[in-house]
Amino acid sequence: MMSKSMYSYTKKILKKVSFDPALFRKELRKAQKCLHPEEYDRLTIWLSSYVKKHPSLQYCLM
């Protein structure tokens, strides 16, 4: 399924760019445009736990 791989790919990219909050936010905006609403909801759930481990990214969710 293409969309599932896009979801996985998005998570992979977000993890790789998490060293830079500005870049992370940019990739997050791209994901919002590319993913289906249900997938973006799933990503949001994943993000809340990921950001707890990386507090410097907290502002990216606002």
Protein backbone atom coordinates (compact mmCIF):
# COMPACT_ATOMS: atom_id res chain seq x y z
CA MET A 1 0.00 0.00 0.00
CA MET A 2 1.52 3.28 -1.13
CA SER A 3 0.09 5.44 1.64
CA LYS A 4 1.43 3.19 4.40
CA SER A 5 4.90 3.45 2.95
CA MET A 6 4.47 7.24 2.74
CA TYR A 7 3.54 7.26 6.43
CA SER A 8 6.62 5.17 7.28
CA TYR A 9 8.80 7.31 5.05
CA THR A 10 7.52 10.47 6.75
CA LYS A 11 8.36 9.10 10.20
CA LYS A 12 11.82 8.13 8.99
CA ILE A 13 12.47 11.62 7.62
CA LEU A 14 11.16 13.32 10.76
CA LYS A 15 13.49 11.20 12.90
CA LYS A 16 16.46 12.09 10.68
CA VAL A 17 15.82 15.84 10.80
CA SER A 18 14.90 16.01 14.49
CA PHE A 19 18.30 17.58 15.25
CA ASP A 20 16.99 20.84 13.73
CA PRO A 21 13.58 22.06 14.98
CA ALA A 22 13.08 24.40 11.99
CA LEU A 23 13.73 21.62 9.50
CA PHE A 24 11.54 19.26 11.52
CA ARG A 25 8.69 21.75 11.36
CA LYS A 26 9.17 22.18 7.60
CA GLU A 27 9.00 18.41 7.05
CA LEU A 28 5.97 18.21 9.30
CA ARG A 29 4.17 20.78 7.12
CA LYS A 30 5.05 18.73 4.03
CA ALA A 31 3.65 15.63 5.70
CA GLN A 32 0.40 17.42 6.44
CA LYS A 33 -0.01 18.09 2.71
CA CYS A 34 1.03 14.60 1.53
CA LEU A 35 -0.66 12.27 3.98
CA HIS A 36 -4.33 11.40 4.07
CA PRO A 37 -6.16 12.87 7.09
CA GLU A 38 -6.32 9.48 8.87
CA GLU A 39 -2.61 8.96 8.37
CA TYR A 40 -1.83 12.44 9.60
CA ASP A 41 -3.91 11.71 12.69
CA ARG A 42 -1.82 8.59 13.24
CA LEU A 43 1.33 10.65 12.76
CA THR A 44 0.09 13.16 15.33
CA ILE A 45 -0.28 10.37 17.89
CA TRP A 46 3.24 9.17 17.13
CA LEU A 47 4.54 12.75 17.33
CA SER A 48 3.20 13.36 20.81
CA SER A 49 5.23 10.45 22.19
CA TYR A 50 8.29 11.29 20.06
CA VAL A 51 8.32 14.92 21.18
CA LYS A 52 8.21 13.88 24.83
CA LYS A 53 11.62 12.28 24.24
CA HIS A 54 12.83 15.36 22.30
CA PRO A 55 11.52 18.45 24.15
CA SER A 56 13.29 20.87 21.79
CA LEU A 57 10.69 19.92 19.15
CA GLN A 58 7.70 20.79 21.31
CA TYR A 59 7.05 24.14 19.60
CA CYS A 60 6.80 22.36 16.23
CA LEU A 61 3.46 20.86 17.23
CA MET A 62 1.82 24.22 17.85
